[in-house]
């Protein structure tokens, strides 16, 4: 019997190219904060977007209307 589909939203994938030192630093921070590298990057991106939106007076884009480039 087929497994029922999950109701959780599908997450897009993004490949990043970083040097080995950056990779180790991300793993170090992730381990000490108890988060995944993806969660760290998402948290950073959110903070930066809020900071830029506040500085420029623009509203944040609607995530439902964005697509991966």
PDB file of N, CA and C in Angstrom:
ATOM      1  N   UNK A   1       0.847  -1.182   0.000  1.00  0.00           N
ATOM      2  CA  UNK A   1       0.000   0.000   0.000  1.00  0.00           C
ATOM      3  C   UNK A   1       0.888   1.241   0.000  1.00  0.00           C
ATOM      4  N   UNK A   2       0.523   2.204  -0.799  1.00  0.00           N
ATOM      5  CA  UNK A   2       1.296   3.431  -0.908  1.00  0.00           C
ATOM      6  C   UNK A   2       1.178   4.252   0.365  1.00  0.00           C
ATOM      7  N   UNK A   3       2.261   4.894   0.698  1.00  0.00           N
ATOM      8  CA  UNK A   3       2.302   5.740   1.880  1.00  0.00           C
ATOM      9  C   UNK A   3       1.572   7.047   1.583  1.00  0.00           C
ATOM     10  N   UNK A   4       0.715   7.540   2.495  1.00  0.00           N
ATOM     11  CA  UNK A   4       0.006   8.803   2.245  1.00  0.00           C
ATOM     12  C   UNK A   4       0.991   9.968   2.192  1.00  0.00           C
ATOM     13  N   UNK A   5       0.692  10.930   1.345  1.00  0.00           N
ATOM     14  CA  UNK A   5       1.552  12.097   1.217  1.00  0.00           C
ATOM     15  C   UNK A   5       1.452  12.959   2.468  1.00  0.00           C
ATOM     16  N   UNK A   6       2.543  13.541   2.813  1.00  0.00           N
ATOM     17  CA  UNK A   6       2.617  14.412   3.971  1.00  0.00           C
ATOM     18  C   UNK A   6       1.966  15.756   3.645  1.00  0.00           C
ATOM     19  N   UNK A   7       1.432  16.403   4.653  1.00  0.00           N
ATOM     20  CA  UNK A   7       0.814  17.710   4.445  1.00  0.00           C
ATOM     21  C   UNK A   7       1.817  18.848   4.655  1.00  0.00           C
ATOM     22  N   UNK A   8       3.075  18.507   4.970  1.00  0.00           N
ATOM     23  CA  UNK A   8       4.068  19.553   5.167  1.00  0.00           C
ATOM     24  C   UNK A   8       4.473  20.149   3.819  1.00  0.00           C
ATOM     25  N   UNK A   9       4.788  21.430   3.791  1.00  0.00           N
ATOM     26  CA  UNK A   9       5.153  22.059   2.525  1.00  0.00           C
ATOM     27  C   UNK A   9       6.468  21.505   1.983  1.00  0.00           C
ATOM     28  N   UNK A  10       6.580  21.481   0.685  1.00  0.00           N
ATOM     29  CA  UNK A  10       7.795  21.012   0.028  1.00  0.00           C
ATOM     30  C   UNK A  10       8.832  22.120   0.075  1.00  0.00           C
ATOM     31  N   UNK A  11      10.039  21.773   0.479  1.00  0.00           N
ATOM     32  CA  UNK A  11      11.107  22.760   0.553  1.00  0.00           C
ATOM     33  C   UNK A  11      11.956  22.674  -0.703  1.00  0.00           C
ATOM     34  N   UNK A  12      12.269  23.819  -1.260  1.00  0.00           N
ATOM     35  CA  UNK A  12      13.154  23.863  -2.419  1.00  0.00           C
ATOM     36  C   UNK A  12      14.586  23.602  -1.990  1.00  0.00           C
ATOM     37  N   UNK A  13      15.389  23.145  -2.906  1.00  0.00           N
ATOM     38  CA  UNK A  13      16.788  22.870  -2.616  1.00  0.00           C
ATOM     39  C   UNK A  13      17.650  23.977  -3.194  1.00  0.00           C
ATOM     40  N   UNK A  14      18.725  24.283  -2.493  1.00  0.00           N
ATOM     41  CA  UNK A  14      19.673  25.290  -2.939  1.00  0.00           C
ATOM     42  C   UNK A  14      21.069  24.761  -2.648  1.00  0.00           C
ATOM     43  N   UNK A  15      21.893  24.662  -3.654  1.00  0.00           N
ATOM     44  CA  UNK A  15      23.277  24.204  -3.475  1.00  0.00           C
ATOM     45  C   UNK A  15      24.178  25.410  -3.343  1.00  0.00           C
ATOM     46  N   UNK A  16      25.014  25.400  -2.305  1.00  0.00           N
ATOM     47  CA  UNK A  16      25.962  26.482  -2.081  1.00  0.00           C
ATOM     48  C   UNK A  16      27.373  25.930  -2.196  1.00  0.00           C
ATOM     49  N   UNK A  17      28.251  26.706  -2.765  1.00  0.00           N
ATOM     50  CA  UNK A  17      29.648  26.317  -2.856  1.00  0.00           C
ATOM     51  C   UNK A  17      30.436  27.194  -1.897  1.00  0.00           C
ATOM     52  N   UNK A  18      31.047  26.562  -0.900  1.00  0.00           N
ATOM     53  CA  UNK A  18      31.855  27.286   0.083  1.00  0.00           C
ATOM     54  C   UNK A  18      33.170  26.541   0.261  1.00  0.00           C
ATOM     55  N   UNK A  19      34.172  27.260   0.761  1.00  0.00           N
ATOM     56  CA  UNK A  19      35.449  26.594   0.987  1.00  0.00           C
ATOM     57  C   UNK A  19      35.361  25.729   2.246  1.00  0.00           C
ATOM     58  N   UNK A  20      36.345  24.902   2.449  1.00  0.00           N
ATOM     59  CA  UNK A  20      36.326  23.938   3.556  1.00  0.00           C
ATOM     60  C   UNK A  20      36.297  24.629   4.918  1.00  0.00           C
ATOM     61  N   UNK A  21      36.980  25.758   5.050  1.00  0.00           N
ATOM     62  CA  UNK A  21      36.979  26.475   6.323  1.00  0.00           C
ATOM     63  C   UNK A  21      35.567  26.955   6.667  1.00  0.00           C
ATOM     64  N   UNK A  22      34.862  27.510   5.699  1.00  0.00           N
ATOM     65  CA  UNK A  22      33.492  27.979   5.924  1.00  0.00           C
ATOM     66  C   UNK A  22      32.586  26.812   6.276  1.00  0.00           C
ATOM     67  N   UNK A  23      32.761  25.691   5.599  1.00  0.00           N
ATOM     68  CA  UNK A  23      31.965  24.501   5.883  1.00  0.00           C
ATOM     69  C   UNK A  23      32.174  24.045   7.336  1.00  0.00           C
ATOM     70  N   UNK A  24      33.424  24.027   7.771  1.00  0.00           N
ATOM     71  CA  UNK A  24      33.725  23.622   9.144  1.00  0.00           C
ATOM     72  C   UNK A  24      33.151  24.611  10.159  1.00  0.00           C
ATOM     73  N   UNK A  25      33.228  25.902   9.835  1.00  0.00           N
ATOM     74  CA  UNK A  25      32.668  26.920  10.728  1.00  0.00           C
ATOM     75  C   UNK A  25      31.151  26.777  10.842  1.00  0.00           C
ATOM     76  N   UNK A  26      30.486  26.524   9.724  1.00  0.00           N
ATOM     77  CA  UNK A  26      29.036  26.326   9.758  1.00  0.00           C
ATOM     78  C   UNK A  26      28.661  25.106  10.592  1.00  0.00           C
ATOM     79  N   UNK A  27      29.393  24.021  10.404  1.00  0.00           N
ATOM     80  CA  UNK A  27      29.126  22.812  11.207  1.00  0.00           C
ATOM     81  C   UNK A  27      29.365  23.071  12.687  1.00  0.00           C
ATOM     82  N   UNK A  28      30.426  23.821  13.014  1.00  0.00           N
ATOM     83  CA  UNK A  28      30.745  24.145  14.403  1.00  0.00           C
ATOM     84  C   UNK A  28      29.623  24.944  15.048  1.00  0.00           C
ATOM     85  N   UNK A  29      29.185  26.002  14.365  1.00  0.00           N
ATOM     86  CA  UNK A  29      28.104  26.845  14.896  1.00  0.00           C
ATOM     87  C   UNK A  29      26.814  26.035  15.020  1.00  0.00           C
ATOM     88  N   UNK A  30      26.518  25.236  14.008  1.00  0.00           N
ATOM     89  CA  UNK A  30      25.293  24.431  14.022  1.00  0.00           C
ATOM     90  C   UNK A  30      25.302  23.457  15.197  1.00  0.00           C
ATOM     91  N   UNK A  31      26.433  22.826  15.447  1.00  0.00           N
ATOM     92  CA  UNK A  31      26.522  21.871  16.550  1.00  0.00           C
ATOM     93  C   UNK A  31      26.331  22.557  17.900  1.00  0.00           C
ATOM     94  N   UNK A  32      26.894  23.721  18.059  1.00  0.00           N
ATOM     95  CA  UNK A  32      26.799  24.424  19.342  1.00  0.00           C
ATOM     96  C   UNK A  32      25.451  25.094  19.560  1.00  0.00           C
ATOM     97  N   UNK A  33      24.754  25.438  18.480  1.00  0.00           N
ATOM     98  CA  UNK A  33      23.425  26.028  18.615  1.00  0.00           C
ATOM     99  C   UNK A  33      22.320  24.985  18.565  1.00  0.00           C
ATOM    100  N   UNK A  34      22.675  23.742  18.227  1.00  0.00           N
ATOM    101  CA  UNK A  34      21.673  22.685  18.142  1.00  0.00           C
ATOM    102  C   UNK A  34      20.736  22.861  16.957  1.00  0.00           C
ATOM    103  N   UNK A  35      21.237  23.433  15.876  1.00  0.00           N
ATOM    104  CA  UNK A  35      20.447  23.660  14.676  1.00  0.00           C
ATOM    105  C   UNK A  35      21.181  23.051  13.490  1.00  0.00           C
ATOM    106  N   UNK A  36      20.457  22.864  12.409  1.00  0.00           N
ATOM    107  CA  UNK A  36      21.104  22.401  11.188  1.00  0.00           C
ATOM    108  C   UNK A  36      21.711  23.606  10.469  1.00  0.00           C
ATOM    109  N   UNK A  37      22.604  23.332   9.536  1.00  0.00           N
ATOM    110  CA  UNK A  37      23.199  24.400   8.736  1.00  0.00           C
ATOM    111  C   UNK A  37      22.106  25.128   7.962  1.00  0.00           C
ATOM    112  N   UNK A  38      21.133  24.382   7.458  1.00  0.00           N
ATOM    113  CA  UNK A  38      20.018  25.007   6.728  1.00  0.00           C
ATOM    114  C   UNK A  38      19.249  25.968   7.628  1.00  0.00           C
ATOM    115  N   UNK A  39      19.027  25.580   8.874  1.00  0.00           N
ATOM    116  CA  UNK A  39      18.316  26.460   9.806  1.00  0.00           C
ATOM    117  C   UNK A  39      19.128  27.709  10.107  1.00  0.00           C
ATOM    118  N   UNK A  40      20.451  27.563  10.233  1.00  0.00           N
ATOM    119  CA  UNK A  40      21.308  28.730  10.464  1.00  0.00           C
ATOM    120  C   UNK A  40      21.229  29.713   9.297  1.00  0.00           C
ATOM    121  N   UNK A  41      21.301  29.183   8.087  1.00  0.00           N
ATOM    122  CA  UNK A  41      21.254  30.037   6.898  1.00  0.00           C
ATOM    123  C   UNK A  41      19.888  30.713   6.782  1.00  0.00           C
ATOM    124  N   UNK A  42      18.825  29.980   7.063  1.00  0.00           N
ATOM    125  CA  UNK A  42      17.477  30.553   7.003  1.00  0.00           C
ATOM    126  C   UNK A  42      17.315  31.661   8.045  1.00  0.00           C
ATOM    127  N   UNK A  43      17.846  31.438   9.233  1.00  0.00           N
ATOM    128  CA  UNK A  43      17.777  32.448  10.302  1.00  0.00           C
ATOM    129  C   UNK A  43      18.551  33.706   9.898  1.00  0.00           C
ATOM    130  N   UNK A  44      19.753  33.520   9.343  1.00  0.00           N
ATOM    131  CA  UNK A  44      20.561  34.650   8.900  1.00  0.00           C
ATOM    132  C   UNK A  44      19.860  35.428   7.782  1.00  0.00           C
ATOM    133  N   UNK A  45      19.312  34.693   6.806  1.00  0.00           N
ATOM    134  CA  UNK A  45      18.641  35.340   5.680  1.00  0.00           C
ATOM    135  C   UNK A  45      17.440  36.153   6.157  1.00  0.00           C
ATOM    136  N   UNK A  46      16.692  35.615   7.101  1.00  0.00           N
ATOM    137  CA  UNK A  46      15.535  36.323   7.640  1.00  0.00           C
ATOM    138  C   UNK A  46      15.963  37.611   8.341  1.00  0.00           C
ATOM    139  N   UNK A  47      17.009  37.535   9.157  1.00  0.00           N
ATOM    140  CA  UNK A  47      17.499  38.722   9.855  1.00  0.00           C
ATOM    141  C   UNK A  47      17.972  39.788   8.867  1.00  0.00           C
ATOM    142  N   UNK A  48      18.717  39.366   7.853  1.00  0.00           N
ATOM    143  CA  UNK A  48      19.218  40.311   6.857  1.00  0.00           C
ATOM    144  C   UNK A  48      18.078  40.952   6.067  1.00  0.00           C
ATOM    145  N   UNK A  49      17.091  40.136   5.677  1.00  0.00           N
ATOM    146  CA  UNK A  49      15.954  40.661   4.922  1.00  0.00           C
ATOM    147  C   UNK A  49      15.178  41.683   5.754  1.00  0.00           C
ATOM    148  N   UNK A  50      14.971  41.390   7.031  1.00  0.00           N
ATOM    149  CA  UNK A  50      14.267  42.334   7.909  1.00  0.00           C
ATOM    150  C   UNK A  50      15.056  43.627   8.062  1.00  0.00           C
ATOM    151  N   UNK A  51      16.371  43.502   8.205  1.00  0.00           N
ATOM    152  CA  UNK A  51      17.220  44.678   8.364  1.00  0.00           C
ATOM    153  C   UNK A  51      17.176  45.557   7.105  1.00  0.00           C
ATOM    154  N   UNK A  52      17.269  44.937   5.937  1.00  0.00           N
ATOM    155  CA  UNK A  52      17.234  45.687   4.683  1.00  0.00           C
ATOM    156  C   UNK A  52      15.864  46.312   4.467  1.00  0.00           C
ATOM    157  N   UNK A  53      14.803  45.564   4.771  1.00  0.00           N
ATOM    158  CA  UNK A  53      13.448  46.095   4.606  1.00  0.00           C
ATOM    159  C   UNK A  53      13.223  47.307   5.506  1.00  0.00           C
ATOM    160  N   UNK A  54      13.730  47.225   6.723  1.00  0.00           N
ATOM    161  CA  UNK A  54      13.580  48.339   7.655  1.00  0.00           C
ATOM    162  C   UNK A  54      14.379  49.551   7.177  1.00  0.00           C
ATOM    163  N   UNK A  55      15.585  49.305   6.683  1.00  0.00           N
ATOM    164  CA  UNK A  55      16.460  50.387   6.233  1.00  0.00           C
ATOM    165  C   UNK A  55      15.905  51.075   4.985  1.00  0.00           C
ATOM    166  N   UNK A  56      15.366  50.310   4.054  1.00  0.00           N
ATOM    167  CA  UNK A  56      14.893  50.870   2.790  1.00  0.00           C
ATOM    168  C   UNK A  56      13.424  51.262   2.817  1.00  0.00           C
ATOM    169  N   UNK A  57      12.692  50.794   3.832  1.00  0.00           N
ATOM    170  CA  UNK A  57      11.271  51.092   3.912  1.00  0.00           C
ATOM    171  C   UNK A  57      10.412  50.200   3.031  1.00  0.00           C
ATOM    172  N   UNK A  58      11.020  49.193   2.439  1.00  0.00           N
ATOM    173  CA  UNK A  58      10.276  48.264   1.589  1.00  0.00           C
ATOM    174  C   UNK A  58       9.662  47.163   2.437  1.00  0.00           C
ATOM    175  N   UNK A  59       8.625  46.556   1.889  1.00  0.00           N
ATOM    176  CA  UNK A  59       8.039  45.399   2.547  1.00  0.00           C
ATOM    177  C   UNK A  59       8.748  44.148   2.071  1.00  0.00           C
ATOM    178  N   UNK A  60       8.772  43.140   2.929  1.00  0.00           N
ATOM    179  CA  UNK A  60       9.365  41.871   2.536  1.00  0.00           C
ATOM    180  C   UNK A  60       8.516  41.226   1.456  1.00  0.00           C
ATOM    181  N   UNK A  61       9.144  40.563   0.507  1.00  0.00           N
ATOM    182  CA  UNK A  61       8.371  39.891  -0.535  1.00  0.00           C
ATOM    183  C   UNK A  61       7.558  38.741   0.041  1.00  0.00           C
ATOM    184  N   UNK A  62       6.428  38.456  -0.600  1.00  0.00           N
ATOM    185  CA  UNK A  62       5.577  37.356  -0.183  1.00  0.00           C
ATOM    186  C   UNK A  62       6.260  36.045  -0.566  1.00  0.00           C
ATOM    187  N   UNK A  63       6.581  35.178   0.409  1.00  0.00           N
ATOM    188  CA  UNK A  63       7.286  33.939   0.085  1.00  0.00           C
ATOM    189  C   UNK A  63       6.471  32.999  -0.805  1.00  0.00           C
ATOM    190  N   UNK A  64       5.184  33.167  -0.863  1.00  0.00           N
ATOM    191  CA  UNK A  64       4.352  32.320  -1.710  1.00  0.00           C
ATOM    192  C   UNK A  64       4.466  32.705  -3.179  1.00  0.00           C
ATOM    193  N   UNK A  65       5.010  33.888  -3.453  1.00  0.00           N
ATOM    194  CA  UNK A  65       5.142  34.350  -4.826  1.00  0.00           C
ATOM    195  C   UNK A  65       6.580  34.315  -5.323  1.00  0.00           C
ATOM    196  N   UNK A  66       7.494  33.832  -4.519  1.00  0.00           N
ATOM    197  CA  UNK A  66       8.890  33.764  -4.912  1.00  0.00           C
ATOM    198  C   UNK A  66       9.215  32.410  -5.517  1.00  0.00           C
ATOM    199  N   UNK A  67      10.199  32.390  -6.373  1.00  0.00           N
ATOM    200  CA  UNK A  67      10.693  31.125  -6.919  1.00  0.00           C
ATOM    201  C   UNK A  67      12.211  31.127  -6.799  1.00  0.00           C
ATOM    202  N   UNK A  68      12.784  29.946  -6.783  1.00  0.00           N
ATOM    203  CA  UNK A  68      14.235  29.850  -6.725  1.00  0.00           C
ATOM    204  C   UNK A  68      14.817  30.280  -8.059  1.00  0.00           C
ATOM    205  N   UNK A  69      15.919  31.004  -7.998  1.00  0.00           N
ATOM    206  CA  UNK A  69      16.558  31.485  -9.230  1.00  0.00           C
ATOM    207  C   UNK A  69      17.486  30.454  -9.791  1.00  0.00           C
TER     208      UNK A  69
END
